[in-house]
Protein backbone atom coordinates (compact mmCIF):
# COMPACT_ATOMS: atom_id res chain seq x y z
CA MET A 1 -27.16 -20.12 -16.00
CA LYS A 2 -26.83 -16.70 -14.35
CA LYS A 3 -26.98 -18.34 -10.94
CA ILE A 4 -24.26 -20.83 -11.93
CA ILE A 5 -22.01 -18.05 -13.21
CA ALA A 6 -22.62 -15.98 -10.07
CA LEU A 7 -21.78 -18.99 -7.91
CA LEU A 8 -18.60 -19.61 -9.87
CA LEU A 9 -17.53 -16.00 -9.55
CA THR A 10 -18.13 -16.12 -5.81
CA ILE A 11 -16.12 -19.31 -5.49
CA THR A 12 -13.33 -17.88 -7.61
CA ILE A 13 -13.04 -14.84 -5.37
CA LEU A 14 -12.98 -17.04 -2.27
CA LEU A 15 -10.33 -19.40 -3.49
CA THR A 16 -8.17 -17.19 -5.65
CA PRO A 17 -7.85 -13.91 -3.80
CA LEU A 18 -4.49 -13.37 -5.52
CA SER A 19 -6.22 -12.72 -8.81
CA SER A 20 -9.15 -10.71 -7.56
CA MET A 21 -7.24 -8.54 -5.12
CA ALA A 22 -3.90 -8.46 -6.99
CA ILE A 23 -2.09 -7.56 -3.76
CA ASN A 24 -2.43 -10.86 -1.94
CA ILE A 25 0.27 -13.48 -1.52
CA PRO A 26 0.75 -14.83 -5.06
CA GLY A 27 0.20 -18.31 -3.64
CA TYR A 28 2.87 -20.10 -5.59
CA GLU A 29 6.56 -19.54 -4.79
CA GLY A 30 6.20 -17.91 -1.39
CA GLY A 31 6.64 -14.34 -2.57
CA ILE A 32 4.99 -11.06 -1.60
CA GLN A 33 3.89 -8.04 -3.61
CA ASN A 34 2.18 -4.67 -3.65
CA GLU A 35 0.70 -2.67 -6.54
CA ASN A 36 4.02 -2.39 -8.37
CA THR A 37 6.63 -4.80 -7.00
CA TYR A 38 6.98 -8.52 -6.36
CA LYS A 39 9.77 -10.08 -4.25
CA GLU A 40 10.82 -13.63 -3.39
CA VAL A 41 13.96 -15.44 -2.27
CA ILE A 42 15.69 -18.34 -4.12
CA PHE A 43 18.34 -20.79 -2.88
CA VAL A 44 19.50 -22.65 -6.01
CA THR A 45 23.13 -21.48 -5.78
CA GLY A 46 23.56 -22.52 -2.17
CA LYS A 47 22.90 -19.05 -0.76
CA PRO A 48 19.76 -16.92 -0.47
CA ILE A 49 19.22 -14.39 -3.25
CA VAL A 50 16.32 -11.94 -3.04
CA MET A 51 14.74 -11.42 -6.46
CA GLU A 52 12.59 -8.41 -7.27
CA GLY A 53 10.49 -7.35 -10.23
CA SER A 54 7.04 -7.81 -11.71
CA LEU A 55 4.38 -10.50 -11.49
CA THR A 56 1.36 -10.58 -13.79
CA ILE A 57 -1.59 -12.85 -12.95
CA LYS A 58 -4.43 -13.65 -15.33
CA THR A 59 -7.48 -15.81 -14.64
CA LYS A 60 -10.27 -17.27 -16.74
CA GLY A 61 -13.28 -19.18 -15.40
CA LYS A 62 -15.38 -21.90 -17.03
CA SER A 63 -18.85 -22.27 -15.51
CA LYS A 64 -19.68 -25.64 -17.08
CA SER A 65 -16.69 -27.42 -15.58
CA ASN A 66 -16.32 -25.34 -12.39
CA THR A 67 -12.70 -24.65 -13.24
CA VAL A 68 -10.48 -21.59 -13.31
CA THR A 69 -7.30 -21.25 -15.36
CA GLU A 70 -4.52 -19.16 -13.82
CA THR A 71 -1.44 -17.85 -15.63
CA TYR A 72 1.53 -16.36 -13.77
CA THR A 73 4.31 -14.44 -15.51
CA TYR A 74 7.40 -13.41 -13.51
CA LYS A 75 10.22 -11.07 -14.54
CA LEU A 76 12.69 -10.69 -11.65
CA GLU A 77 16.27 -9.64 -11.04
CA ASN A 78 18.95 -8.92 -8.47
CA ILE A 79 21.47 -6.51 -9.96
CA LYS A 80 24.01 -6.94 -7.16
CA GLU A 81 24.11 -10.72 -7.68
CA ASP A 82 23.97 -10.39 -11.49
CA ALA A 83 20.82 -12.53 -11.40
CA LYS A 84 17.75 -12.58 -13.64
CA LEU A 85 14.71 -14.86 -13.45
CA SER A 86 11.97 -15.51 -16.01
CA ARG A 87 9.09 -17.83 -15.10
CA THR A 88 5.75 -18.66 -16.75
CA ILE A 89 3.21 -20.95 -15.12
CA LYS A 90 -0.22 -22.06 -16.18
CA MET A 91 -2.40 -24.07 -13.81
CA THR A 92 -6.01 -25.20 -13.47
CA VAL A 93 -8.11 -24.81 -10.34
CA THR A 94 -10.95 -27.34 -10.00
CA LEU A 95 -13.72 -26.26 -7.63
CA GLU A 96 -16.04 -28.65 -5.79
CA PRO A 97 -18.69 -26.81 -3.72
CA THR A 98 -20.58 -28.76 -1.08
CA GLY A 99 -23.01 -26.77 1.02
CA ASN A 100 -21.06 -23.93 2.64
CA GLN A 101 -17.71 -25.60 1.92
CA ILE A 102 -15.61 -25.48 -1.22
CA ALA A 103 -12.76 -27.87 -2.00
CA SER A 104 -10.29 -26.78 -4.64
CA THR A 105 -7.41 -28.56 -6.33
CA ARG A 106 -4.69 -26.77 -8.30
CA THR A 107 -2.75 -28.76 -10.88
CA LEU A 108 0.06 -27.67 -13.18
CA ASP A 109 -0.66 -27.36 -16.92
CA SER A 110 2.61 -25.89 -18.17
CA TYR A 111 5.78 -24.49 -16.67
CA LYS A 112 8.99 -22.84 -17.80
CA GLU A 113 11.62 -21.14 -15.68
CA THR A 114 15.05 -19.76 -16.45
CA ILE A 115 17.49 -18.26 -13.93
CA ASN A 116 20.73 -16.61 -15.04
CA ILE A 117 23.23 -15.93 -12.24
CA GLY A 118 26.56 -14.68 -13.49
CA LYS A 119 27.69 -17.17 -16.09
CA LYS A 120 25.44 -19.93 -14.79
CA ARG A 121 22.05 -20.75 -16.34
CA TYR A 122 19.43 -22.77 -14.45
CA GLU A 123 16.47 -24.09 -16.45
CA ALA A 124 13.37 -26.07 -15.44
CA LYS A 125 10.50 -27.19 -17.68
CA ASP A 126 7.24 -29.17 -17.50
CA GLU A 127 8.82 -32.61 -17.42
CA PHE A 128 11.06 -31.64 -14.51
CA TYR A 129 8.38 -30.23 -12.27
CA GLN A 130 5.55 -31.84 -10.32
CA TRP A 131 3.27 -29.59 -8.27
CA ASN A 132 -0.23 -29.67 -6.78
CA GLN A 133 -2.20 -27.91 -4.11
CA GLY A 134 -5.40 -28.72 -2.23
CA THR A 135 -7.46 -26.11 -0.34
CA ILE A 136 -10.67 -26.21 1.64
CA THR A 137 -12.77 -23.10 2.29
CA HIS A 138 -15.58 -22.78 4.82
CA GLN A 139 -18.00 -19.92 4.22
CA THR A 140 -19.86 -18.45 7.19
CA PRO A 141 -22.61 -15.85 6.75
CA LEU A 142 -19.93 -13.14 6.83
CA LEU A 143 -16.40 -14.58 6.75
CA SER A 144 -14.57 -17.21 4.76
CA TYR A 145 -11.89 -19.37 6.36
CA TYR A 146 -9.52 -21.51 4.35
CA ALA A 147 -6.53 -23.83 4.73
CA GLY A 148 -4.45 -25.81 2.27
CA ASP A 149 -1.36 -27.87 1.58
CA PHE A 150 0.96 -28.15 -1.41
CA VAL A 151 3.91 -30.32 -2.44
CA ALA A 152 6.38 -29.97 -5.31
CA THR A 153 9.59 -31.33 -6.78
CA LYS A 154 11.46 -29.20 -9.29
CA THR A 155 14.74 -30.02 -11.07
CA TYR A 156 16.92 -27.40 -12.73
CA LYS A 157 19.35 -28.34 -15.46
CA VAL A 158 22.48 -26.22 -15.03
CA ASP A 159 24.07 -24.91 -18.24
CA LYS A 160 22.35 -27.84 -20.05
CA GLY A 161 25.13 -30.04 -18.71
CA THR A 162 25.50 -32.77 -16.13
CA GLU A 163 24.76 -30.57 -13.10
CA ASN A 164 21.31 -30.61 -11.50
CA VAL A 165 19.67 -28.72 -8.67
CA THR A 166 16.54 -30.39 -7.25
CA VAL A 167 14.24 -28.40 -4.99
CA GLU A 168 11.68 -30.34 -2.93
CA THR A 169 8.93 -28.24 -1.41
CA THR A 170 6.19 -28.84 1.15
CA GLY A 171 3.93 -26.06 2.29
CA GLU A 172 0.85 -25.06 4.24
CA LEU A 173 -1.40 -22.03 4.02
CA VAL A 174 -4.13 -20.73 6.26
CA GLY A 175 -6.22 -17.60 6.05
CA TYR A 176 -9.53 -15.82 6.39
CA ASP A 177 -11.33 -12.92 4.74
CA SER A 178 -13.65 -10.49 6.52
CA PRO A 179 -15.00 -6.99 5.82
CA TRP A 180 -12.60 -5.38 8.30
CA SER A 181 -9.50 -7.54 7.93
CA ALA A 182 -8.01 -10.40 5.97
CA THR A 183 -4.91 -12.51 6.51
CA GLU A 184 -3.16 -15.32 4.68
CA THR A 185 0.01 -16.96 5.96
CA GLN A 186 2.10 -19.51 4.08
CA THR A 187 4.83 -21.67 5.55
CA ILE A 188 7.06 -23.35 2.96
CA ASP A 189 9.91 -25.80 3.65
CA TYR A 190 12.61 -26.37 1.01
CA VAL A 191 15.18 -29.12 0.61
CA ILE A 192 17.79 -28.21 -2.03
CA ASN A 193 20.10 -30.86 -3.52
CA PHE A 194 22.97 -30.23 -5.94
CA SER A 195 24.49 -33.10 -7.93
CA ASP A 196 26.92 -33.59 -10.83
CA LYS A 197 26.69 -36.87 -12.73
CA LEU A 198 30.36 -36.67 -13.75
CA LYS A 199 31.57 -35.61 -10.30
CA PRO A 200 29.48 -37.51 -7.76
CA ASP A 201 31.66 -36.33 -4.87
CA LYS A 202 30.71 -32.70 -5.51
CA THR A 203 27.24 -32.76 -4.01
CA TRP A 204 25.62 -30.65 -1.39
CA GLN A 205 22.31 -30.30 0.41
CA GLY A 206 20.64 -27.38 2.08
CA THR A 207 17.34 -26.55 3.73
CA ALA A 208 15.31 -23.39 4.10
CA THR A 209 11.96 -22.24 5.46
CA VAL A 210 10.01 -19.29 4.09
CA GLU A 211 7.05 -17.72 5.88
CA ALA A 212 5.05 -15.22 3.84
CA SER A 213 2.15 -13.27 5.29
CA TYR A 214 -0.42 -10.99 3.65
CA ASN A 215 -2.51 -8.74 5.83
CA LYS A 216 -5.37 -6.32 5.13
CA THR A 217 -6.73 -4.08 7.85
CA LYS A 218 -9.40 -1.39 7.75
CA ASP A 219 -9.15 1.01 10.66
CA TYR A 220 -11.25 4.00 11.61
CA SER A 221 -10.40 7.20 13.43
CA TYR A 222 -12.03 10.54 14.16
CA ALA A 223 -10.56 13.57 12.39
CA GLU A 224 -11.37 16.89 14.03
CA ASN A 225 -11.38 19.98 11.85
CA ILE A 226 -8.94 22.70 12.92
CA PRO A 227 -10.85 25.75 11.59
CA TRP A 228 -13.96 26.49 13.62
CA GLN A 229 -15.68 28.37 10.77
CA ILE A 230 -16.90 25.18 9.12
CA SER A 231 -20.29 23.50 9.05
CA PHE A 232 -19.12 20.38 10.91
CA LYS A 233 -16.59 19.79 13.71
CA GLY A 234 -15.08 16.66 12.20
CA GLY A 235 -15.86 13.16 11.06
CA TYR A 236 -14.75 9.58 10.84
CA ARG A 237 -12.38 8.24 8.24
CA VAL A 238 -11.60 4.64 7.34
CA VAL A 239 -8.07 3.75 6.24
CA GLU A 240 -7.50 0.45 4.44
CA GLN A 241 -3.90 -0.78 4.54
CA HIS A 242 -2.30 -3.87 2.98
CA ASP A 243 1.07 -5.08 4.21
CA ASN A 244 3.14 -8.11 3.28
CA VAL A 245 5.97 -9.69 5.27
CA LEU A 246 8.37 -12.44 4.23
CA LYS A 247 10.65 -14.15 6.78
CA TYR A 248 13.18 -16.84 5.91
CA ASN A 249 15.85 -18.92 7.58
CA TYR A 250 18.33 -21.30 5.98
CA ASP A 251 20.95 -23.99 6.58
CA LEU A 252 23.10 -24.07 3.45
CA PRO A 253 26.62 -25.16 2.49
CA LYS A 254 29.47 -22.76 1.85
CA VAL A 255 29.94 -23.18 -1.88
CA THR A 256 33.03 -21.83 -3.64
CA GLU A 257 33.92 -21.67 -7.32
CA GLY A 258 34.04 -25.09 -8.92
CA ASN A 259 31.18 -26.20 -6.65
CA ASN A 260 33.58 -27.03 -3.85
CA THR A 261 32.09 -27.05 -0.36
CA SER A 262 33.65 -26.83 3.07
CA LYS A 263 32.60 -28.52 6.28
CA ALA A 264 31.36 -25.19 7.61
CA ARG A 265 27.72 -24.33 7.03
CA ASN A 266 26.01 -21.09 6.06
CA TYR A 267 23.29 -20.46 8.63
CA GLY A 268 21.16 -17.38 8.73
CA LYS A 269 17.79 -15.67 8.73
CA ASP A 270 16.38 -12.47 7.32
CA SER A 271 13.13 -10.75 6.40
CA PHE A 272 11.68 -8.02 4.24
CA SER A 273 8.31 -6.39 3.77
CA ILE A 274 6.25 -4.53 1.17
CA ASP A 275 3.36 -2.23 1.99
CA THR A 276 0.72 -0.69 -0.23
CA ASN A 277 -0.49 2.87 -0.43
CA PRO A 278 -3.32 3.33 2.09
CA ILE A 279 -6.87 3.86 0.82
CA ILE A 280 -8.65 6.61 2.77
CA THR A 281 -12.43 6.97 2.84
CA ARG A 282 -14.26 9.73 4.69
CA LEU A 283 -17.58 8.70 6.20
CA ASN A 284 -20.74 10.79 6.22
CA ILE A 285 -21.42 13.38 8.89
CA PRO A 286 -24.39 12.22 11.00
CA ALA A 287 -27.05 14.71 12.07
CA VAL A 288 -27.69 13.09 15.48
CA ARG A 289 -27.40 15.45 18.47
CA ASP A 290 -28.76 13.53 21.44
CA VAL A 291 -25.74 11.24 21.93
CA LEU A 292 -23.24 13.90 23.07
CA GLY A 293 -21.91 12.94 26.49
CA HIS A 294 -23.43 9.46 26.28
CA GLN A 295 -21.20 6.62 27.52
CA TYR A 296 -21.32 5.16 24.00
CA GLU A 297 -21.08 8.47 22.15
CA GLU A 298 -18.09 7.42 20.03
CA GLU A 299 -19.65 4.11 19.01
CA LEU A 300 -23.02 5.70 18.23
CA LEU A 301 -21.44 8.39 16.03
CA LEU A 302 -19.33 5.77 14.24
CA LEU A 303 -22.33 3.59 13.44
CA ALA A 304 -24.40 6.59 12.38
CA SER A 305 -21.55 7.70 10.08
CA MET A 306 -21.83 4.32 8.37
CA ASP A 307 -25.62 4.75 8.09
CA ALA A 308 -25.89 1.66 10.29
CA LEU A 309 -27.93 3.93 12.55
CA PRO A 310 -30.09 6.69 11.02
CA LEU A 311 -27.72 9.14 9.34
CA ASN A 312 -30.08 12.09 9.00
CA SER A 313 -32.03 11.81 12.23
CA THR A 314 -31.38 14.56 14.77
CA TYR A 315 -32.62 12.46 17.67
CA LEU A 316 -31.60 8.84 17.91
CA GLY A 317 -32.72 7.86 21.39
CA PRO A 318 -29.53 6.02 22.45
CA ASP A 319 -31.18 4.45 25.48
CA SER A 320 -34.27 3.29 23.61
CA SER A 321 -34.65 -0.30 22.46
CA MET A 322 -33.11 -1.52 19.22
CA SER A 323 -35.66 -3.19 16.96
CA ARG A 324 -34.93 -6.44 15.16
CA GLY A 325 -35.32 -4.79 11.76
CA ASP A 326 -33.04 -1.87 12.65
CA PHE A 327 -30.39 -4.29 13.88
CA ALA A 328 -30.58 -6.13 10.55
CA LYS A 329 -29.79 -2.82 8.83
CA ALA A 330 -26.97 -2.09 11.29
CA ILE A 331 -25.37 -5.47 10.52
CA VAL A 332 -25.56 -5.01 6.75
CA LYS A 333 -24.24 -1.44 6.81
CA SER A 334 -21.43 -1.88 9.36
CA MET A 335 -20.21 -5.12 7.75
CA ASP A 336 -20.49 -3.74 4.21
CA ILE A 337 -22.67 -6.68 3.11
CA PRO A 338 -23.87 -6.25 -0.48
CA ILE A 339 -27.61 -6.47 -1.00
CA GLU A 340 -28.56 -8.85 -3.78
CA LYS A 341 -31.38 -7.38 -5.83
CA GLN A 342 -33.67 -9.73 -7.70
CA GLU A 343 -33.48 -9.30 -11.46
CA GLU A 344 -36.71 -8.98 -13.37
CA THR A 345 -36.72 -11.27 -16.40
CA LYS A 346 -39.27 -11.52 -19.19
CA LYS A 347 -40.86 -14.70 -20.44
CA LYS A 348 -41.80 -15.41 -24.05
CA SER A 349 -45.18 -13.85 -23.38
CA ARG A 350 -43.28 -10.59 -22.61
CA LYS A 351 -44.81 -10.53 -19.15
CA LYS A 352 -42.57 -9.76 -16.21
CA GLN A 353 -41.72 -12.73 -14.05
CA GLU A 354 -43.31 -12.59 -10.62
CA PRO A 355 -40.74 -11.62 -7.96
CA THR A 356 -39.75 -14.18 -5.36
CA PRO A 357 -42.05 -13.97 -2.33
CA PRO A 358 -40.52 -12.30 0.76
CA LEU A 359 -38.85 -14.61 3.26
CA PHE A 360 -41.16 -13.47 6.04
CA LYS A 361 -44.89 -12.89 5.78
CA ASP A 362 -44.87 -9.98 8.23
CA VAL A 363 -42.19 -7.95 6.38
CA LYS A 364 -43.78 -6.17 3.45
CA ARG A 365 -41.74 -4.77 0.56
CA ASN A 366 -42.50 -1.23 1.66
CA HIS A 367 -41.01 -1.75 5.12
CA ARG A 368 -38.02 0.57 5.67
CA ASN A 369 -35.77 -2.40 6.47
CA PHE A 370 -37.13 -4.89 3.94
CA ASP A 371 -33.92 -5.26 1.88
CA TYR A 372 -31.75 -5.64 4.99
CA ILE A 373 -34.02 -8.23 6.57
CA GLU A 374 -34.13 -10.22 3.32
CA GLU A 375 -30.33 -10.19 3.12
CA VAL A 376 -29.64 -11.29 6.70
CA GLY A 377 -32.39 -13.90 6.35
CA LYS A 378 -30.96 -15.38 3.15
CA ARG A 379 -27.48 -15.51 4.66
CA GLY A 380 -28.68 -17.12 7.88
CA ILE A 381 -27.39 -14.22 9.96
CA MET A 382 -30.78 -13.59 11.56
CA VAL A 383 -33.75 -15.92 11.79
CA GLY A 384 -37.42 -15.32 12.35
CA VAL A 385 -39.22 -15.68 15.64
CA ASP A 386 -40.95 -18.60 13.92
CA LYS A 387 -40.99 -20.10 10.45
CA ASP A 388 -43.00 -17.33 8.79
CA ASN A 389 -42.55 -14.21 10.90
CA PHE A 390 -39.60 -11.91 11.62
CA ARG A 391 -41.38 -9.27 13.72
CA PRO A 392 -39.16 -6.45 12.47
CA ASP A 393 -40.42 -3.77 14.85
CA GLU A 394 -40.16 -5.82 18.04
CA PRO A 395 -37.24 -5.07 20.41
CA LEU A 396 -34.10 -7.18 20.08
CA THR A 397 -32.94 -9.02 23.20
CA ARG A 398 -29.34 -9.30 24.40
CA ALA A 399 -29.41 -13.06 23.80
CA GLU A 400 -30.51 -12.50 20.19
CA ALA A 401 -27.85 -9.82 19.58
CA TYR A 402 -24.92 -11.92 20.82
CA ALA A 403 -26.19 -14.99 19.00
CA ILE A 404 -26.16 -12.98 15.75
CA ILE A 405 -22.55 -11.86 16.29
CA ILE A 406 -21.30 -15.41 16.89
CA ARG A 407 -23.36 -16.63 13.92
CA LEU A 408 -21.56 -14.08 11.74
CA LEU A 409 -18.24 -15.65 12.75
CA GLY A 410 -19.55 -19.20 12.35
CA PHE A 411 -18.24 -20.07 15.82
CA GLN A 412 -21.43 -21.39 17.43
CA ASN A 413 -20.20 -24.98 17.10
CA LEU A 414 -17.12 -24.26 19.23
CA ALA A 415 -19.15 -24.75 22.42
CA PRO A 416 -18.82 -28.17 24.14
CA ILE A 417 -20.87 -30.66 22.15
CA ASN A 418 -22.22 -32.50 25.19
CA LYS A 419 -23.96 -29.30 26.44
CA ASN A 420 -22.60 -30.14 29.90
CA TYR A 421 -21.29 -26.67 30.67
CA ASN A 422 -22.23 -23.48 32.42
CA THR A 423 -21.65 -19.98 31.07
CA GLY A 424 -20.58 -18.83 34.53
CA TYR A 425 -23.33 -16.24 34.83
CA LYS A 426 -25.61 -16.32 37.83
CA ASP A 427 -28.59 -16.09 35.47
CA ASP A 428 -27.30 -18.95 33.31
CA LYS A 429 -30.61 -20.79 33.61
CA ALA A 430 -32.43 -17.78 32.12
CA ILE A 431 -30.43 -18.03 28.89
CA PRO A 432 -32.61 -19.58 26.14
CA ALA A 433 -31.40 -23.02 25.08
CA TRP A 434 -30.98 -21.91 21.44
CA ALA A 435 -28.64 -19.06 22.48
CA LYS A 436 -26.54 -20.77 25.13
CA ASP A 437 -23.79 -22.04 22.81
CA HIS A 438 -23.45 -18.60 21.24
CA ILE A 439 -23.22 -16.76 24.56
CA TYR A 440 -20.74 -19.33 25.92
CA VAL A 441 -18.46 -18.78 22.93
CA ALA A 442 -18.87 -14.99 23.09
CA LYS A 443 -17.73 -15.03 26.71
CA GLU A 444 -14.76 -17.30 25.92
CA LEU A 445 -13.70 -14.86 23.19
CA GLY A 446 -13.94 -11.92 25.57
CA MET A 447 -16.83 -10.29 23.71
CA THR A 448 -19.20 -10.00 26.68
CA ALA A 449 -18.98 -7.33 29.37
CA LYS A 450 -17.61 -8.31 32.76
CA GLY A 451 -20.17 -8.97 35.46
CA ASP A 452 -22.04 -11.68 37.32
CA TYR A 453 -25.21 -11.42 35.25
CA PHE A 454 -25.80 -11.51 31.50
CA TYR A 455 -29.50 -10.46 31.42
CA PRO A 456 -30.23 -12.50 28.26
CA ASN A 457 -33.89 -11.51 27.90
CA ARG A 458 -33.43 -7.80 28.49
CA GLU A 459 -34.01 -5.53 25.50
CA ILE A 460 -30.75 -4.21 24.08
CA THR A 461 -30.55 -0.45 23.59
CA LYS A 462 -29.26 1.38 20.52
CA GLY A 463 -26.24 2.50 22.51
CA GLU A 464 -25.47 -1.04 23.62
CA SER A 465 -25.96 -2.27 20.04
CA ALA A 466 -23.48 0.33 18.77
CA LYS A 467 -20.98 -0.76 21.43
CA LEU A 468 -21.45 -4.43 20.54
CA LEU A 469 -20.90 -3.81 16.81
CA ALA A 470 -17.89 -1.53 17.41
CA ASP A 471 -16.34 -4.22 19.65
CA PHE A 472 -17.03 -6.80 16.96
CA ILE A 473 -15.24 -4.63 14.39
CA HIS A 474 -12.29 -4.38 16.80
CA TYR A 475 -12.29 -8.17 17.19
CA LEU A 476 -12.06 -8.59 13.40
CA GLN A 477 -9.33 -5.95 13.18
CA ILE A 478 -7.10 -7.17 16.01
CA ASP A 479 -7.89 -10.46 17.76
CA LEU A 480 -8.74 -12.60 14.76
CA LYS A 481 -5.87 -11.18 12.70
CA ASN A 482 -3.32 -11.85 15.46
CA ASP A 483 -4.44 -15.44 15.81
CA TYR A 484 -3.91 -16.09 12.11
CA ARG A 485 -0.79 -14.02 11.60
CA GLU A 486 1.32 -13.52 14.70
CA ASN A 487 0.65 -16.95 16.19
CA VAL A 488 1.57 -18.68 12.92
CA LEU A 489 4.67 -16.59 12.17
CA ASN A 490 5.99 -16.79 15.74
CA ASN A 491 5.04 -20.41 16.39
């Protein structure tokens, strides 16, 4: 049962980041928020009105049915437009895990919304609203990628009379989550129709598109201490920042009092953003002294500050070989991967249950990197040299290191399927067959150093390992984020 609950909690976090992070895109009406404020734009009157206020989200999971219940409560207003909005939504998320993929379906359980704008009252209830969303998530050893679609039709009764406003919505979302960045972008298209049963000539139609983007970035920088009478010159700090941007454009009628419209149209576009307070973390001060002046000094100090390289060792040996076990630790520490400890449970006989045997026969529990090797092994980030052995103290090769990085991203299958390709390196034939796809993709992504030779079977040094991991962090911070955010918003 504990495993089922743990699985459900993991799935819930993957598919409902809005509830677990509380700063993500709310995922429903195309709004954005930070710790204190929620904002969205509505078009029911025939012009855009930006509403601002509070949004409360509650979730409850049921392990037996693999479902999660979500409840959204909105209290919004626009004082200038004399507008107030109250909305309560309850929906059910059904989760269907299959291997490393999770399909989810959101369906509406109950709904009530009231908008008061001046003397007008717009009201929508369950029977006047149809909505559903489908999302698929792919989990790699490190990242999760997801995409989804949703459709809706909502009808507002105006002043409980003969007037109706129907809003038809189609939307798409795409996003990813990683230790160093996360992005979700929604694109929502609206078609708004006004009608009056007693005055069929007084109708109008408008359209609008809303693009909402959530972005999390963790960045690092070196802070040098100004006073010299201090025990350390400076250190690294990590700053986590969340920002949210909403862009919208519209083609609406020019509506006057009495719901009269002119032939002229109201075209326009606008945007607004909400940021969060940054979260600052100071990293440890490493003791290493033999990296000063090294070509990878900055990267080595950064990784040592994270304890990805020995934190308390005075001499690191930056040009010495990186062992397979030490690289496993560097991956876990630099990517902030939690280590799952096995729980000891008691049987009826009150005897402790025997712990699960180690993944690899040649990695004993007292090995300094045992926990890290177990974790990367379970996640499929690193594999043994054969079925039973990891060889933790053997040097890591360049081919192995780059294969691990691409495996973290889950991009190894992006190489041409027919294998009829060349990496472009003069030593292409020396690249092991199992690593060729990974190295091809790494080069296409710009992760490999420029040069005619790759040297796949050469041992990678600790300095080169630090450079590789620092570049990978930069890729997560910048390149991947831009592909998901800027390319979607500016498409």
